[in-house]
Amino acid sequence: MKYVKIFPAILLGLLLIIGCGQSYEETKRITRAQRLKLMREDSAALKVAVLPTLDCLPIFLAKDHQMFDTAVDIRLKRFTAQMDVDTALMNKRVELGVTDVVRTERMKKLGDSLRYLTATNAYWQLITNRGARIIDLKHLDDKMLAMTRYSVTDLLGDLAVDSAKLKTERVFRIQINDVNVRLKMLENNEMDALLLTEPQATQARLLKHKVILDSRKLDIQMGAIVMQGKGMDDQARKRQLRVFTNGYNQACDSINKYGIGEYKDLLMKYCRVKESTINALPKDLKFERIALPREEDVMRARQWLSKK
């Protein structure tokens, strides 16, 4: 009798185990199907690689305020280092990317078929640590300078060294690709000098660090948004690009009309900077509609790269 009573319990347990096994397999099958669906959707979407920098504000605004036609899937892929954006472009993981003309010409030289979509209003400042007592370019001698190789920051570093007639090997170029890490190293007194764009440059200036070079005073305009050279000519991609362009232009018009301060919530969200930094940004900054980079900037980048 004892065994008779136990048998139904065993049978019930086996049925439960089998049932759970089927549920687990079913769950795995559904999960795989969901993953494949998400991958297909991501592949079909227009993916844009962005950075936590001010030149991306029109993209942030168009995305968050639905200036892009919501019937078109446009997705932002967020990075904190320019080289990671470029890697995503080179590996065809994104269709558009925010970068600079020097990096673009370098990638094209290596065989990537990229095309310019537009220039941006990005500018870069060479900022020195207030504790390093660097008040002139010549004081960069025997100092550390944070930058990214083969980028506009590398080009500007060379210009600074040449202008001060310093020996190249006497200025130690330290490759710090992440813009947030670069700023943090300045704040922690771990770097003598570095090249920053906005809003990180304003945050450094608020901390009383000194600007000794500004790309605007050199008439250098190297900010750019680029797109893949291949696979962008089918009707779906053309439509996505039209939607992106229209939304971007609308966002630029809105920022120019209402001012950067109207969209401080976006900069705090995407750039992770304080409200005081946003309030201190230059008031005269304008965002241009879609327009190709200037030929003189492209030629300057090519000439500099040919010497490297």
C-alpha atoms as a PDB file:
ATOM      1  CA  MET A   1       0.000   0.000   0.000  1.00  0.00           C
ATOM      2  CA  LYS A   2       2.841   2.274   0.793  1.00  0.00           C
ATOM      3  CA  TYR A   3       4.245   1.975  -2.772  1.00  0.00           C
ATOM      4  CA  VAL A   4       0.803   2.427  -4.285  1.00  0.00           C
ATOM      5  CA  LYS A   5       0.419   5.758  -2.497  1.00  0.00           C
ATOM      6  CA  ILE A   6       3.860   6.962  -3.553  1.00  0.00           C
ATOM      7  CA  PHE A   7       3.436   6.106  -7.246  1.00  0.00           C
ATOM      8  CA  PRO A   8       0.820   8.803  -8.042  1.00  0.00           C
ATOM      9  CA  ALA A   9       3.043  11.383  -6.389  1.00  0.00           C
ATOM     10  CA  ILE A  10       6.023  10.304  -8.521  1.00  0.00           C
ATOM     11  CA  LEU A  11       3.887  10.344 -11.659  1.00  0.00           C
ATOM     12  CA  LEU A  12       2.629  13.832 -10.860  1.00  0.00           C
ATOM     13  CA  GLY A  13       6.194  15.035 -10.305  1.00  0.00           C
ATOM     14  CA  LEU A  14       7.331  13.598 -13.638  1.00  0.00           C
ATOM     15  CA  LEU A  15       4.465  15.289 -15.424  1.00  0.00           C
ATOM     16  CA  LEU A  16       5.369  18.603 -13.797  1.00  0.00           C
ATOM     17  CA  ILE A  17       9.022  18.216 -14.831  1.00  0.00           C
ATOM     18  CA  ILE A  18       8.055  17.393 -18.410  1.00  0.00           C
ATOM     19  CA  GLY A  19       5.656  20.316 -18.449  1.00  0.00           C
ATOM     20  CA  CYS A  20       8.327  22.683 -17.158  1.00  0.00           C
ATOM     21  CA  GLY A  21      10.768  21.329 -19.751  1.00  0.00           C
ATOM     22  CA  GLN A  22       8.357  22.103 -22.555  1.00  0.00           C
ATOM     23  CA  SER A  23       7.766  25.572 -21.149  1.00  0.00           C
ATOM     24  CA  TYR A  24      11.517  26.250 -21.009  1.00  0.00           C
ATOM     25  CA  GLU A  25      12.046  25.112 -24.600  1.00  0.00           C
ATOM     26  CA  GLU A  26       9.097  27.193 -25.693  1.00  0.00           C
ATOM     27  CA  THR A  27      10.530  30.190 -23.857  1.00  0.00           C
ATOM     28  CA  LYS A  28      13.881  29.726 -25.582  1.00  0.00           C
ATOM     29  CA  ARG A  29      12.182  29.468 -28.970  1.00  0.00           C
ATOM     30  CA  ILE A  30      10.178  32.650 -28.367  1.00  0.00           C
ATOM     31  CA  THR A  31      13.274  34.466 -27.108  1.00  0.00           C
ATOM     32  CA  ARG A  32      15.215  33.490 -30.237  1.00  0.00           C
ATOM     33  CA  ALA A  33      12.351  34.658 -32.410  1.00  0.00           C
ATOM     34  CA  GLN A  34      12.202  37.944 -30.523  1.00  0.00           C
ATOM     35  CA  ARG A  35      15.955  38.437 -30.879  1.00  0.00           C
ATOM     36  CA  LEU A  36      15.788  37.803 -34.617  1.00  0.00           C
ATOM     37  CA  LYS A  37      12.882  40.218 -34.945  1.00  0.00           C
ATOM     38  CA  LEU A  38      14.770  42.912 -33.043  1.00  0.00           C
ATOM     39  CA  MET A  39      17.881  42.320 -35.157  1.00  0.00           C
ATOM     40  CA  ARG A  40      15.880  42.659 -38.365  1.00  0.00           C
ATOM     41  CA  GLU A  41      14.264  45.862 -37.112  1.00  0.00           C
ATOM     42  CA  ASP A  42      17.630  47.303 -36.059  1.00  0.00           C
ATOM     43  CA  SER A  43      19.153  46.392 -39.409  1.00  0.00           C
ATOM     44  CA  ALA A  44      16.355  48.166 -41.292  1.00  0.00           C
ATOM     45  CA  ALA A  45      16.458  51.290 -39.068  1.00  0.00           C
ATOM     46  CA  LEU A  46      18.605  54.330 -39.821  1.00  0.00           C
ATOM     47  CA  LYS A  47      21.210  54.198 -37.052  1.00  0.00           C
ATOM     48  CA  VAL A  48      23.067  57.363 -36.086  1.00  0.00           C
ATOM     49  CA  ALA A  49      26.222  57.289 -33.943  1.00  0.00           C
ATOM     50  CA  VAL A  50      26.314  60.304 -31.630  1.00  0.00           C
ATOM     51  CA  LEU A  51      28.609  61.736 -28.959  1.00  0.00           C
ATOM     52  CA  PRO A  52      27.887  63.702 -25.741  1.00  0.00           C
ATOM     53  CA  THR A  53      28.841  66.937 -27.513  1.00  0.00           C
ATOM     54  CA  LEU A  54      27.028  70.146 -28.404  1.00  0.00           C
ATOM     55  CA  ASP A  55      27.195  69.604 -32.168  1.00  0.00           C
ATOM     56  CA  CYS A  56      24.807  66.665 -31.686  1.00  0.00           C
ATOM     57  CA  LEU A  57      22.094  68.871 -30.143  1.00  0.00           C
ATOM     58  CA  PRO A  58      20.029  69.118 -33.368  1.00  0.00           C
ATOM     59  CA  ILE A  59      19.956  65.307 -33.545  1.00  0.00           C
ATOM     60  CA  PHE A  60      18.976  64.976 -29.880  1.00  0.00           C
ATOM     61  CA  LEU A  61      16.238  67.575 -30.345  1.00  0.00           C
ATOM     62  CA  ALA A  62      14.836  66.056 -33.541  1.00  0.00           C
ATOM     63  CA  LYS A  63      14.746  62.610 -31.941  1.00  0.00           C
ATOM     64  CA  ASP A  64      13.256  63.508 -28.559  1.00  0.00           C
ATOM     65  CA  HIS A  65      10.791  66.098 -29.888  1.00  0.00           C
ATOM     66  CA  GLN A  66       9.637  63.883 -32.756  1.00  0.00           C
ATOM     67  CA  MET A  67      10.865  66.154 -35.534  1.00  0.00           C
ATOM     68  CA  PHE A  68      11.793  62.993 -37.387  1.00  0.00           C
ATOM     69  CA  ASP A  69       8.736  61.458 -39.051  1.00  0.00           C
ATOM     70  CA  THR A  70       7.687  58.824 -36.522  1.00  0.00           C
ATOM     71  CA  ALA A  71       6.750  56.474 -39.371  1.00  0.00           C
ATOM     72  CA  VAL A  72      10.491  56.171 -40.080  1.00  0.00           C
ATOM     73  CA  ASP A  73      12.674  54.274 -37.604  1.00  0.00           C
ATOM     74  CA  ILE A  74      15.683  56.447 -36.701  1.00  0.00           C
ATOM     75  CA  ARG A  75      17.775  55.196 -33.790  1.00  0.00           C
ATOM     76  CA  LEU A  76      20.572  56.913 -31.894  1.00  0.00           C
ATOM     77  CA  LYS A  77      23.615  54.863 -30.931  1.00  0.00           C
ATOM     78  CA  ARG A  78      25.398  56.668 -28.120  1.00  0.00           C
ATOM     79  CA  PHE A  79      29.187  56.652 -27.710  1.00  0.00           C
ATOM     80  CA  THR A  80      31.596  58.689 -25.597  1.00  0.00           C
ATOM     81  CA  ALA A  81      34.707  58.318 -27.778  1.00  0.00           C
ATOM     82  CA  GLN A  82      35.101  59.489 -31.355  1.00  0.00           C
ATOM     83  CA  MET A  83      37.104  56.399 -32.262  1.00  0.00           C
ATOM     84  CA  ASP A  84      34.176  54.198 -31.208  1.00  0.00           C
ATOM     85  CA  VAL A  85      31.897  56.140 -33.552  1.00  0.00           C
ATOM     86  CA  ASP A  86      34.387  55.601 -36.353  1.00  0.00           C
ATOM     87  CA  THR A  87      34.676  51.896 -35.566  1.00  0.00           C
ATOM     88  CA  ALA A  88      30.890  51.594 -35.789  1.00  0.00           C
ATOM     89  CA  LEU A  89      31.010  53.345 -39.179  1.00  0.00           C
ATOM     90  CA  MET A  90      33.841  51.182 -40.489  1.00  0.00           C
ATOM     91  CA  ASN A  91      32.113  47.986 -39.362  1.00  0.00           C
ATOM     92  CA  LYS A  92      28.828  49.124 -40.985  1.00  0.00           C
ATOM     93  CA  ARG A  93      26.950  48.997 -37.669  1.00  0.00           C
ATOM     94  CA  VAL A  94      25.576  52.498 -38.238  1.00  0.00           C
ATOM     95  CA  GLU A  95      24.534  54.429 -41.326  1.00  0.00           C
ATOM     96  CA  LEU A  96      25.430  57.915 -40.036  1.00  0.00           C
ATOM     97  CA  GLY A  97      28.015  59.136 -37.557  1.00  0.00           C
ATOM     98  CA  VAL A  98      29.124  62.404 -35.943  1.00  0.00           C
ATOM     99  CA  THR A  99      32.875  62.792 -36.392  1.00  0.00           C
ATOM    100  CA  ASP A 100      35.349  65.290 -37.880  1.00  0.00           C
ATOM    101  CA  VAL A 101      36.822  65.904 -41.318  1.00  0.00           C
ATOM    102  CA  VAL A 102      40.294  64.623 -40.390  1.00  0.00           C
ATOM    103  CA  ARG A 103      38.926  61.316 -39.093  1.00  0.00           C
ATOM    104  CA  THR A 104      36.719  60.992 -42.173  1.00  0.00           C
ATOM    105  CA  GLU A 105      39.562  61.597 -44.607  1.00  0.00           C
ATOM    106  CA  ARG A 106      41.678  59.102 -42.663  1.00  0.00           C
ATOM    107  CA  MET A 107      38.950  56.434 -42.915  1.00  0.00           C
ATOM    108  CA  LYS A 108      38.488  57.147 -46.620  1.00  0.00           C
ATOM    109  CA  LYS A 109      42.225  56.819 -47.115  1.00  0.00           C
ATOM    110  CA  LEU A 110      42.053  53.385 -45.470  1.00  0.00           C
ATOM    111  CA  GLY A 111      39.408  52.306 -47.973  1.00  0.00           C
ATOM    112  CA  ASP A 112      36.075  53.143 -46.345  1.00  0.00           C
ATOM    113  CA  SER A 113      33.518  54.529 -48.778  1.00  0.00           C
ATOM    114  CA  LEU A 114      32.122  57.323 -46.616  1.00  0.00           C
ATOM    115  CA  ARG A 115      30.334  60.436 -47.816  1.00  0.00           C
ATOM    116  CA  TYR A 116      29.798  63.763 -46.092  1.00  0.00           C
ATOM    117  CA  LEU A 117      26.226  64.586 -45.181  1.00  0.00           C
ATOM    118  CA  THR A 118      26.898  67.918 -43.509  1.00  0.00           C
ATOM    119  CA  ALA A 119      29.349  70.071 -41.630  1.00  0.00           C
ATOM    120  CA  THR A 120      28.566  70.897 -37.988  1.00  0.00           C
ATOM    121  CA  ASN A 121      29.339  73.918 -35.825  1.00  0.00           C
ATOM    122  CA  ALA A 122      31.822  72.037 -33.609  1.00  0.00           C
ATOM    123  CA  TYR A 123      34.966  73.871 -32.555  1.00  0.00           C
ATOM    124  CA  TRP A 124      37.851  72.818 -30.316  1.00  0.00           C
ATOM    125  CA  GLN A 125      39.848  74.633 -27.664  1.00  0.00           C
ATOM    126  CA  LEU A 126      43.260  73.776 -26.263  1.00  0.00           C
ATOM    127  CA  ILE A 127      42.782  74.132 -22.516  1.00  0.00           C
ATOM    128  CA  THR A 128      45.584  74.002 -19.970  1.00  0.00           C
ATOM    129  CA  ASN A 129      45.459  72.930 -16.347  1.00  0.00           C
ATOM    130  CA  ARG A 130      45.364  76.008 -14.127  1.00  0.00           C
ATOM    131  CA  GLY A 131      47.903  74.326 -11.839  1.00  0.00           C
ATOM    132  CA  ALA A 132      50.394  73.693 -14.647  1.00  0.00           C
ATOM    133  CA  ARG A 133      51.155  77.396 -15.220  1.00  0.00           C
ATOM    134  CA  ILE A 134      50.826  77.116 -18.999  1.00  0.00           C
ATOM    135  CA  ILE A 135      49.801  80.533 -20.266  1.00  0.00           C
ATOM    136  CA  ASP A 136      51.302  80.340 -23.741  1.00  0.00           C
ATOM    137  CA  LEU A 137      51.838  77.660 -26.400  1.00  0.00           C
ATOM    138  CA  LYS A 138      55.592  77.681 -25.781  1.00  0.00           C
ATOM    139  CA  HIS A 139      54.922  76.498 -22.212  1.00  0.00           C
ATOM    140  CA  LEU A 140      53.708  73.150 -23.603  1.00  0.00           C
ATOM    141  CA  ASP A 141      57.358  72.093 -23.658  1.00  0.00           C
ATOM    142  CA  ASP A 142      57.817  68.916 -21.570  1.00  0.00           C
ATOM    143  CA  LYS A 143      54.053  68.741 -20.890  1.00  0.00           C
ATOM    144  CA  MET A 144      51.341  66.138 -21.512  1.00  0.00           C
ATOM    145  CA  LEU A 145      48.637  66.906 -24.075  1.00  0.00           C
ATOM    146  CA  ALA A 146      45.504  64.722 -24.295  1.00  0.00           C
ATOM    147  CA  MET A 147      44.092  64.158 -27.779  1.00  0.00           C
ATOM    148  CA  THR A 148      42.901  61.505 -30.263  1.00  0.00           C
ATOM    149  CA  ARG A 149      45.289  60.397 -32.979  1.00  0.00           C
ATOM    150  CA  TYR A 150      44.416  61.113 -36.603  1.00  0.00           C
ATOM    151  CA  SER A 151      41.658  63.514 -35.608  1.00  0.00           C
ATOM    152  CA  VAL A 152      41.197  67.266 -35.615  1.00  0.00           C
ATOM    153  CA  THR A 153      42.640  67.310 -32.067  1.00  0.00           C
ATOM    154  CA  ASP A 154      45.839  65.716 -33.402  1.00  0.00           C
ATOM    155  CA  LEU A 155      46.015  68.297 -36.201  1.00  0.00           C
ATOM    156  CA  LEU A 156      45.480  71.158 -33.748  1.00  0.00           C
ATOM    157  CA  GLY A 157      48.157  69.708 -31.466  1.00  0.00           C
ATOM    158  CA  ASP A 158      50.624  69.850 -34.348  1.00  0.00           C
ATOM    159  CA  LEU A 159      49.620  73.426 -35.135  1.00  0.00           C
ATOM    160  CA  ALA A 160      50.203  74.402 -31.517  1.00  0.00           C
ATOM    161  CA  VAL A 161      53.656  72.794 -31.465  1.00  0.00           C
ATOM    162  CA  ASP A 162      54.653  74.319 -34.817  1.00  0.00           C
ATOM    163  CA  SER A 163      53.376  77.777 -33.839  1.00  0.00           C
ATOM    164  CA  ALA A 164      55.483  77.733 -30.672  1.00  0.00           C
ATOM    165  CA  LYS A 165      58.485  76.297 -32.589  1.00  0.00           C
ATOM    166  CA  LEU A 166      58.734  73.436 -30.132  1.00  0.00           C
ATOM    167  CA  LYS A 167      60.336  70.084 -30.827  1.00  0.00           C
ATOM    168  CA  THR A 168      57.612  67.520 -31.525  1.00  0.00           C
ATOM    169  CA  GLU A 169      59.088  64.973 -29.131  1.00  0.00           C
ATOM    170  CA  ARG A 170      59.062  67.544 -26.304  1.00  0.00           C
ATOM    171  CA  VAL A 171      55.232  67.631 -26.177  1.00  0.00           C
ATOM    172  CA  PHE A 172      53.934  64.285 -24.989  1.00  0.00           C
ATOM    173  CA  ARG A 173      50.725  63.388 -26.857  1.00  0.00           C
ATOM    174  CA  ILE A 174      48.564  61.149 -24.683  1.00  0.00           C
ATOM    175  CA  GLN A 175      45.714  59.407 -26.488  1.00  0.00           C
ATOM    176  CA  ILE A 176      42.569  59.795 -24.366  1.00  0.00           C
ATOM    177  CA  ASN A 177      39.627  59.038 -26.619  1.00  0.00           C
ATOM    178  CA  ASP A 178      36.698  59.311 -24.210  1.00  0.00           C
ATOM    179  CA  VAL A 179      35.686  62.984 -23.921  1.00  0.00           C
ATOM    180  CA  ASN A 180      34.346  62.528 -20.396  1.00  0.00           C
ATOM    181  CA  VAL A 181      37.526  60.787 -19.217  1.00  0.00           C
ATOM    182  CA  ARG A 182      39.597  63.551 -20.795  1.00  0.00           C
ATOM    183  CA  LEU A 183      37.691  66.214 -18.866  1.00  0.00           C
ATOM    184  CA  LYS A 184      37.842  64.205 -15.645  1.00  0.00           C
ATOM    185  CA  MET A 185      41.634  63.933 -15.953  1.00  0.00           C
ATOM    186  CA  LEU A 186      41.821  67.711 -16.140  1.00  0.00           C
ATOM    187  CA  GLU A 187      39.566  68.116 -13.109  1.00  0.00           C
ATOM    188  CA  ASN A 188      41.723  65.621 -11.173  1.00  0.00           C
ATOM    189  CA  ASN A 189      44.977  67.368 -12.161  1.00  0.00           C
ATOM    190  CA  GLU A 190      46.149  64.292 -14.090  1.00  0.00           C
ATOM    191  CA  MET A 191      46.757  66.121 -17.382  1.00  0.00           C
ATOM    192  CA  ASP A 192      48.641  69.311 -18.266  1.00  0.00           C
ATOM    193  CA  ALA A 193      46.638  70.250 -21.353  1.00  0.00           C
ATOM    194  CA  LEU A 194      43.935  68.832 -23.577  1.00  0.00           C
ATOM    195  CA  LEU A 195      41.689  69.601 -26.531  1.00  0.00           C
ATOM    196  CA  LEU A 196      37.943  69.785 -25.899  1.00  0.00           C
ATOM    197  CA  THR A 197      34.816  70.760 -27.763  1.00  0.00           C
ATOM    198  CA  GLU A 198      31.565  71.955 -26.189  1.00  0.00           C
ATOM    199  CA  PRO A 199      30.017  71.604 -23.657  1.00  0.00           C
ATOM    200  CA  GLN A 200      33.067  70.014 -21.996  1.00  0.00           C
ATOM    201  CA  ALA A 201      35.204  73.055 -22.899  1.00  0.00           C
ATOM    202  CA  THR A 202      32.822  75.382 -21.060  1.00  0.00           C
ATOM    203  CA  GLN A 203      32.859  73.133 -18.015  1.00  0.00           C
ATOM    204  CA  ALA A 204      36.670  73.317 -18.003  1.00  0.00           C
ATOM    205  CA  ARG A 205      36.608  77.111 -18.342  1.00  0.00           C
ATOM    206  CA  LEU A 206      34.201  77.400 -15.412  1.00  0.00           C
ATOM    207  CA  LEU A 207      36.855  75.643 -13.328  1.00  0.00           C
ATOM    208  CA  LYS A 208      39.269  78.470 -14.264  1.00  0.00           C
ATOM    209  CA  HIS A 209      41.389  76.427 -16.661  1.00  0.00           C
ATOM    210  CA  LYS A 210      42.939  78.567 -19.407  1.00  0.00           C
ATOM    211  CA  VAL A 211      42.268  78.518 -23.169  1.00  0.00           C
ATOM    212  CA  ILE A 212      45.428  79.065 -25.231  1.00  0.00           C
ATOM    213  CA  LEU A 213      44.166  78.033 -28.670  1.00  0.00           C
ATOM    214  CA  ASP A 214      40.742  78.116 -30.363  1.00  0.00           C
ATOM    215  CA  SER A 215      40.044  76.494 -33.738  1.00  0.00           C
ATOM    216  CA  ARG A 216      37.612  79.317 -34.618  1.00  0.00           C
ATOM    217  CA  LYS A 217      40.417  81.884 -34.502  1.00  0.00           C
ATOM    218  CA  LEU A 218      42.358  79.708 -36.946  1.00  0.00           C
ATOM    219  CA  ASP A 219      39.309  79.560 -39.271  1.00  0.00           C
ATOM    220  CA  ILE A 220      39.241  75.769 -39.015  1.00  0.00           C
ATOM    221  CA  GLN A 221      35.818  74.132 -39.265  1.00  0.00           C
ATOM    222  CA  MET A 222      36.191  70.386 -38.964  1.00  0.00           C
ATOM    223  CA  GLY A 223      32.932  69.109 -37.436  1.00  0.00           C
ATOM    224  CA  ALA A 224      31.058  66.700 -39.708  1.00  0.00           C
ATOM    225  CA  ILE A 225      28.292  64.142 -39.987  1.00  0.00           C
ATOM    226  CA  VAL A 226      29.117  61.390 -42.459  1.00  0.00           C
ATOM    227  CA  MET A 227      27.193  58.505 -43.969  1.00  0.00           C
ATOM    228  CA  GLN A 228      27.975  55.184 -45.516  1.00  0.00           C
ATOM    229  CA  GLY A 229      28.958  55.372 -49.173  1.00  0.00           C
ATOM    230  CA  LYS A 230      27.386  52.042 -50.040  1.00  0.00           C
ATOM    231  CA  GLY A 231      23.912  50.675 -49.368  1.00  0.00           C
ATOM    232  CA  MET A 232      22.327  54.100 -49.071  1.00  0.00           C
ATOM    233  CA  ASP A 233      20.848  54.346 -52.568  1.00  0.00           C
ATOM    234  CA  ASP A 234      17.792  52.123 -52.264  1.00  0.00           C
ATOM    235  CA  GLN A 235      14.420  53.806 -51.834  1.00  0.00           C
ATOM    236  CA  ALA A 236      14.034  52.943 -48.136  1.00  0.00           C
ATOM    237  CA  ARG A 237      17.406  54.470 -47.210  1.00  0.00           C
ATOM    238  CA  LYS A 238      16.762  57.532 -49.381  1.00  0.00           C
ATOM    239  CA  ARG A 239      13.489  58.104 -47.585  1.00  0.00           C
ATOM    240  CA  GLN A 240      15.203  57.752 -44.202  1.00  0.00           C
ATOM    241  CA  LEU A 241      17.844  60.296 -45.230  1.00  0.00           C
ATOM    242  CA  ARG A 242      15.156  62.750 -46.363  1.00  0.00           C
ATOM    243  CA  VAL A 243      13.405  62.382 -43.012  1.00  0.00           C
ATOM    244  CA  PHE A 244      16.686  62.825 -41.121  1.00  0.00           C
ATOM    245  CA  THR A 245      17.611  65.900 -43.165  1.00  0.00           C
ATOM    246  CA  ASN A 246      14.201  67.527 -42.703  1.00  0.00           C
ATOM    247  CA  GLY A 247      14.187  66.849 -38.964  1.00  0.00           C
ATOM    248  CA  TYR A 248      17.783  68.054 -38.558  1.00  0.00           C
ATOM    249  CA  ASN A 249      17.078  71.311 -40.415  1.00  0.00           C
ATOM    250  CA  GLN A 250      13.926  71.894 -38.379  1.00  0.00           C
ATOM    251  CA  ALA A 251      15.882  71.327 -35.152  1.00  0.00           C
ATOM    252  CA  CYS A 252      18.607  73.796 -36.212  1.00  0.00           C
ATOM    253  CA  ASP A 253      15.957  76.424 -36.945  1.00  0.00           C
ATOM    254  CA  SER A 254      14.346  75.839 -33.554  1.00  0.00           C
ATOM    255  CA  ILE A 255      17.636  76.110 -31.625  1.00  0.00           C
ATOM    256  CA  ASN A 256      18.569  79.309 -33.479  1.00  0.00           C
ATOM    257  CA  LYS A 257      15.136  80.792 -32.748  1.00  0.00           C
ATOM    258  CA  TYR A 258      14.745  79.871 -29.085  1.00  0.00           C
ATOM    259  CA  GLY A 259      18.374  79.491 -27.980  1.00  0.00           C
ATOM    260  CA  ILE A 260      20.363  76.617 -26.540  1.00  0.00           C
ATOM    261  CA  GLY A 261      19.025  77.288 -23.050  1.00  0.00           C
ATOM    262  CA  GLU A 262      15.549  76.262 -24.145  1.00  0.00           C
ATOM    263  CA  TYR A 263      16.852  72.722 -24.579  1.00  0.00           C
ATOM    264  CA  LYS A 264      19.101  72.416 -21.550  1.00  0.00           C
ATOM    265  CA  ASP A 265      17.209  69.284 -20.491  1.00  0.00           C
ATOM    266  CA  LEU A 266      18.507  67.501 -23.605  1.00  0.00           C
ATOM    267  CA  LEU A 267      22.109  68.523 -22.928  1.00  0.00           C
ATOM    268  CA  MET A 268      21.831  67.408 -19.321  1.00  0.00           C
ATOM    269  CA  LYS A 269      20.355  64.092 -20.480  1.00  0.00           C
ATOM    270  CA  TYR A 270      22.769  63.307 -23.306  1.00  0.00           C
ATOM    271  CA  CYS A 271      25.953  65.168 -22.312  1.00  0.00           C
ATOM    272  CA  ARG A 272      25.773  64.645 -18.543  1.00  0.00           C
ATOM    273  CA  VAL A 273      26.809  68.209 -17.714  1.00  0.00           C
ATOM    274  CA  LYS A 274      25.567  70.550 -15.027  1.00  0.00           C
ATOM    275  CA  GLU A 275      22.942  73.212 -15.632  1.00  0.00           C
ATOM    276  CA  SER A 276      25.520  75.855 -14.727  1.00  0.00           C
ATOM    277  CA  THR A 277      27.690  74.644 -17.625  1.00  0.00           C
ATOM    278  CA  ILE A 278      24.809  74.961 -20.092  1.00  0.00           C
ATOM    279  CA  ASN A 279      23.988  78.446 -18.803  1.00  0.00           C
ATOM    280  CA  ALA A 280      27.608  79.480 -19.430  1.00  0.00           C
ATOM    281  CA  LEU A 281      27.741  78.277 -23.058  1.00  0.00           C
ATOM    282  CA  PRO A 282      28.445  81.028 -25.627  1.00  0.00           C
ATOM    283  CA  LYS A 283      25.194  82.819 -26.497  1.00  0.00           C
ATOM    284  CA  ASP A 284      26.099  83.493 -30.120  1.00  0.00           C
ATOM    285  CA  LEU A 285      26.374  79.866 -31.256  1.00  0.00           C
ATOM    286  CA  LYS A 286      24.364  79.110 -34.390  1.00  0.00           C
ATOM    287  CA  PHE A 287      23.488  75.777 -35.944  1.00  0.00           C
ATOM    288  CA  GLU A 288      23.640  75.614 -39.723  1.00  0.00           C
ATOM    289  CA  ARG A 289      21.250  73.569 -41.820  1.00  0.00           C
ATOM    290  CA  ILE A 290      22.551  70.609 -43.829  1.00  0.00           C
ATOM    291  CA  ALA A 291      25.531  71.793 -45.927  1.00  0.00           C
ATOM    292  CA  LEU A 292      28.729  70.065 -46.993  1.00  0.00           C
ATOM    293  CA  PRO A 293      32.048  70.889 -45.263  1.00  0.00           C
ATOM    294  CA  ARG A 294      34.145  73.624 -46.855  1.00  0.00           C
ATOM    295  CA  GLU A 295      36.616  72.469 -49.477  1.00  0.00           C
ATOM    296  CA  GLU A 296      39.485  74.270 -47.728  1.00  0.00           C
ATOM    297  CA  ASP A 297      38.892  72.251 -44.554  1.00  0.00           C
ATOM    298  CA  VAL A 298      38.839  68.977 -46.490  1.00  0.00           C
ATOM    299  CA  MET A 299      42.070  69.940 -48.292  1.00  0.00           C
ATOM    300  CA  ARG A 300      43.733  70.967 -45.022  1.00  0.00           C
ATOM    301  CA  ALA A 301      42.877  67.578 -43.518  1.00  0.00           C
ATOM    302  CA  ARG A 302      44.207  65.711 -46.558  1.00  0.00           C
ATOM    303  CA  GLN A 303      47.443  67.694 -46.622  1.00  0.00           C
ATOM    304  CA  TRP A 304      48.044  67.130 -42.915  1.00  0.00           C
ATOM    305  CA  LEU A 305      47.365  63.398 -43.248  1.00  0.00           C
ATOM    306  CA  SER A 306      49.758  63.111 -46.193  1.00  0.00           C
ATOM    307  CA  LYS A 307      52.546  64.403 -43.941  1.00  0.00           C
ATOM    308  CA  LYS A 308      51.700  61.900 -41.188  1.00  0.00           C
END
